[in-house]
Amino acid sequence: MPTYDYICKECEERFEHFQTMSSEPLTQRPGCDRDACNVIRLI
């Protein structure tokens, strides 16, 4: 299972997440309680 790099557009925190290639990209950082948390997957 690949590891994807993400970055939060609000706080600019980078993190890695394991997920299958067929999974939908994350839209929020796991465990984040900020309403404005919006993440993008880095390629």
PDB file of N, CA and C in Angstrom:
ATOM      1  N   MET A   1       0.856  -1.169   0.000  1.00  0.00           N
ATOM      2  CA  MET A   1       0.000   0.000   0.000  1.00  0.00           C
ATOM      3  C   MET A   1       0.903   1.233   0.000  1.00  0.00           C
ATOM      4  N   PRO A   2       0.676   2.159  -0.921  1.00  0.00           N
ATOM      5  CA  PRO A   2       1.556   3.331  -1.018  1.00  0.00           C
ATOM      6  C   PRO A   2       1.305   4.364   0.083  1.00  0.00           C
ATOM      7  N   THR A   3       2.318   5.158   0.313  1.00  0.00           N
ATOM      8  CA  THR A   3       2.235   6.286   1.233  1.00  0.00           C
ATOM      9  C   THR A   3       2.108   7.554   0.404  1.00  0.00           C
ATOM     10  N   TYR A   4       1.123   8.374   0.732  1.00  0.00           N
ATOM     11  CA  TYR A   4       0.926   9.637   0.026  1.00  0.00           C
ATOM     12  C   TYR A   4       1.284  10.789   0.948  1.00  0.00           C
ATOM     13  N   ASP A   5       1.881  11.821   0.376  1.00  0.00           N
ATOM     14  CA  ASP A   5       2.208  13.036   1.116  1.00  0.00           C
ATOM     15  C   ASP A   5       1.091  14.041   0.906  1.00  0.00           C
ATOM     16  N   TYR A   6       0.678  14.655   1.990  1.00  0.00           N
ATOM     17  CA  TYR A   6      -0.365  15.675   1.961  1.00  0.00           C
ATOM     18  C   TYR A   6       0.160  16.927   2.637  1.00  0.00           C
ATOM     19  N   ILE A   7      -0.485  18.049   2.338  1.00  0.00           N
ATOM     20  CA  ILE A   7      -0.199  19.296   3.046  1.00  0.00           C
ATOM     21  C   ILE A   7      -1.527  20.009   3.289  1.00  0.00           C
ATOM     22  N   CYS A   8      -1.670  20.557   4.495  1.00  0.00           N
ATOM     23  CA  CYS A   8      -2.864  21.320   4.838  1.00  0.00           C
ATOM     24  C   CYS A   8      -2.706  22.727   4.263  1.00  0.00           C
ATOM     25  N   LYS A   9      -3.681  23.164   3.489  1.00  0.00           N
ATOM     26  CA  LYS A   9      -3.604  24.493   2.878  1.00  0.00           C
ATOM     27  C   LYS A   9      -3.782  25.605   3.908  1.00  0.00           C
ATOM     28  N   GLU A  10      -4.372  25.286   5.054  1.00  0.00           N
ATOM     29  CA  GLU A  10      -4.614  26.297   6.083  1.00  0.00           C
ATOM     30  C   GLU A  10      -3.393  26.506   6.981  1.00  0.00           C
ATOM     31  N   CYS A  11      -2.880  25.427   7.581  1.00  0.00           N
ATOM     32  CA  CYS A  11      -1.768  25.568   8.535  1.00  0.00           C
ATOM     33  C   CYS A  11      -0.424  25.147   7.939  1.00  0.00           C
ATOM     34  N   GLU A  12      -0.420  24.671   6.698  1.00  0.00           N
ATOM     35  CA  GLU A  12       0.774  24.249   5.962  1.00  0.00           C
ATOM     36  C   GLU A  12       1.502  23.077   6.625  1.00  0.00           C
ATOM     37  N   GLU A  13       0.801  22.284   7.418  1.00  0.00           N
ATOM     38  CA  GLU A  13       1.400  21.097   8.027  1.00  0.00           C
ATOM     39  C   GLU A  13       1.420  19.964   7.007  1.00  0.00           C
ATOM     40  N   ARG A  14       2.589  19.328   6.873  1.00  0.00           N
ATOM     41  CA  ARG A  14       2.742  18.183   5.967  1.00  0.00           C
ATOM     42  C   ARG A  14       2.601  16.899   6.761  1.00  0.00           C
ATOM     43  N   PHE A  15       2.009  15.888   6.127  1.00  0.00           N
ATOM     44  CA  PHE A  15       1.893  14.586   6.765  1.00  0.00           C
ATOM     45  C   PHE A  15       1.804  13.510   5.702  1.00  0.00           C
ATOM     46  N   GLU A  16       2.065  12.268   6.127  1.00  0.00           N
ATOM     47  CA  GLU A  16       1.985  11.117   5.238  1.00  0.00           C
ATOM     48  C   GLU A  16       0.779  10.280   5.634  1.00  0.00           C
ATOM     49  N   HIS A  17       0.201   9.601   4.639  1.00  0.00           N
ATOM     50  CA  HIS A  17      -0.955   8.756   4.917  1.00  0.00           C
ATOM     51  C   HIS A  17      -0.888   7.518   4.035  1.00  0.00           C
ATOM     52  N   PHE A  18      -1.027   6.334   4.641  1.00  0.00           N
ATOM     53  CA  PHE A  18      -1.074   5.082   3.893  1.00  0.00           C
ATOM     54  C   PHE A  18      -2.490   4.882   3.378  1.00  0.00           C
ATOM     55  N   GLN A  19      -2.629   4.621   2.085  1.00  0.00           N
ATOM     56  CA  GLN A  19      -3.943   4.306   1.543  1.00  0.00           C
ATOM     57  C   GLN A  19      -3.782   3.589   0.208  1.00  0.00           C
ATOM     58  N   THR A  20      -4.801   2.855  -0.168  1.00  0.00           N
ATOM     59  CA  THR A  20      -4.746   2.129  -1.429  1.00  0.00           C
ATOM     60  C   THR A  20      -4.794   3.109  -2.594  1.00  0.00           C
ATOM     61  N   MET A  21      -4.320   2.659  -3.729  1.00  0.00           N
ATOM     62  CA  MET A  21      -4.308   3.519  -4.916  1.00  0.00           C
ATOM     63  C   MET A  21      -5.721   3.841  -5.385  1.00  0.00           C
ATOM     64  N   SER A  22      -6.683   2.990  -5.070  1.00  0.00           N
ATOM     65  CA  SER A  22      -8.064   3.215  -5.504  1.00  0.00           C
ATOM     66  C   SER A  22      -8.870   4.061  -4.513  1.00  0.00           C
ATOM     67  N   SER A  23      -8.296   4.386  -3.354  1.00  0.00           N
ATOM     68  CA  SER A  23      -8.992   5.211  -2.361  1.00  0.00           C
ATOM     69  C   SER A  23      -9.094   6.654  -2.832  1.00  0.00           C
ATOM     70  N   GLU A  24     -10.167   7.305  -2.427  1.00  0.00           N
ATOM     71  CA  GLU A  24     -10.326   8.729  -2.711  1.00  0.00           C
ATOM     72  C   GLU A  24      -9.296   9.513  -1.899  1.00  0.00           C
ATOM     73  N   PRO A  25      -8.738  10.578  -2.454  1.00  0.00           N
ATOM     74  CA  PRO A  25      -7.793  11.410  -1.693  1.00  0.00           C
ATOM     75  C   PRO A  25      -8.464  12.004  -0.452  1.00  0.00           C
ATOM     76  N   LEU A  26      -7.681  12.207   0.594  1.00  0.00           N
ATOM     77  CA  LEU A  26      -8.204  12.824   1.809  1.00  0.00           C
ATOM     78  C   LEU A  26      -8.596  14.265   1.532  1.00  0.00           C
ATOM     79  N   THR A  27      -9.568  14.766   2.280  1.00  0.00           N
ATOM     80  CA  THR A  27      -9.939  16.175   2.197  1.00  0.00           C
ATOM     81  C   THR A  27      -9.639  16.903   3.499  1.00  0.00           C
ATOM     82  N   GLN A  28      -9.379  16.131   4.568  1.00  0.00           N
ATOM     83  CA  GLN A  28      -9.048  16.711   5.867  1.00  0.00           C
ATOM     84  C   GLN A  28      -8.019  15.823   6.545  1.00  0.00           C
ATOM     85  N   ARG A  29      -7.120  16.436   7.303  1.00  0.00           N
ATOM     86  CA  ARG A  29      -6.087  15.689   8.015  1.00  0.00           C
ATOM     87  C   ARG A  29      -6.736  14.848   9.110  1.00  0.00           C
ATOM     88  N   PRO A  30      -6.417  13.549   9.182  1.00  0.00           N
ATOM     89  CA  PRO A  30      -6.984  12.706  10.235  1.00  0.00           C
ATOM     90  C   PRO A  30      -6.651  13.257  11.620  1.00  0.00           C
ATOM     91  N   GLY A  31      -7.654  13.363  12.463  1.00  0.00           N
ATOM     92  CA  GLY A  31      -7.461  13.855  13.819  1.00  0.00           C
ATOM     93  C   GLY A  31      -7.511  15.366  13.947  1.00  0.00           C
ATOM     94  N   CYS A  32      -7.667  16.084  12.842  1.00  0.00           N
ATOM     95  CA  CYS A  32      -7.714  17.553  12.894  1.00  0.00           C
ATOM     96  C   CYS A  32      -9.137  17.999  13.218  1.00  0.00           C
ATOM     97  N   ASP A  33      -9.264  18.936  14.136  1.00  0.00           N
ATOM     98  CA  ASP A  33     -10.592  19.425  14.492  1.00  0.00           C
ATOM     99  C   ASP A  33     -10.850  20.839  13.974  1.00  0.00           C
ATOM    100  N   ARG A  34      -9.952  21.343  13.141  1.00  0.00           N
ATOM    101  CA  ARG A  34     -10.146  22.678  12.566  1.00  0.00           C
ATOM    102  C   ARG A  34     -11.200  22.618  11.461  1.00  0.00           C
ATOM    103  N   ASP A  35     -12.110  23.559  11.453  1.00  0.00           N
ATOM    104  CA  ASP A  35     -13.119  23.614  10.399  1.00  0.00           C
ATOM    105  C   ASP A  35     -12.497  23.963   9.056  1.00  0.00           C
ATOM    106  N   ALA A  36     -11.420  24.733   9.082  1.00  0.00           N
ATOM    107  CA  ALA A  36     -10.806  25.210   7.844  1.00  0.00           C
ATOM    108  C   ALA A  36      -9.735  24.264   7.305  1.00  0.00           C
ATOM    109  N   CYS A  37      -9.544  23.112   7.947  1.00  0.00           N
ATOM    110  CA  CYS A  37      -8.520  22.168   7.497  1.00  0.00           C
ATOM    111  C   CYS A  37      -8.904  21.647   6.116  1.00  0.00           C
ATOM    112  N   ASN A  38      -8.059  21.888   5.154  1.00  0.00           N
ATOM    113  CA  ASN A  38      -8.303  21.456   3.783  1.00  0.00           C
ATOM    114  C   ASN A  38      -6.970  20.999   3.224  1.00  0.00           C
ATOM    115  N   VAL A  39      -6.858  19.734   2.866  1.00  0.00           N
ATOM    116  CA  VAL A  39      -5.571  19.190   2.456  1.00  0.00           C
ATOM    117  C   VAL A  39      -5.525  18.885   0.967  1.00  0.00           C
ATOM    118  N   ILE A  40      -4.315  18.896   0.425  1.00  0.00           N
ATOM    119  CA  ILE A  40      -4.093  18.489  -0.955  1.00  0.00           C
ATOM    120  C   ILE A  40      -3.034  17.401  -0.962  1.00  0.00           C
ATOM    121  N   ARG A  41      -3.157  16.484  -1.911  1.00  0.00           N
ATOM    122  CA  ARG A  41      -2.177  15.402  -2.026  1.00  0.00           C
ATOM    123  C   ARG A  41      -1.055  15.872  -2.920  1.00  0.00           C
ATOM    124  N   LEU A  42       0.167  15.728  -2.427  1.00  0.00           N
ATOM    125  CA  LEU A  42       1.345  16.107  -3.193  1.00  0.00           C
ATOM    126  C   LEU A  42       1.755  14.939  -4.068  1.00  0.00           C
ATOM    127  N   ILE A  43       2.153  15.220  -5.266  1.00  0.00           N
ATOM    128  CA  ILE A  43       2.556  14.167  -6.205  1.00  0.00           C
ATOM    129  C   ILE A  43       4.036  14.274  -6.471  1.00  0.00           C
TER     130      ILE A  43
END
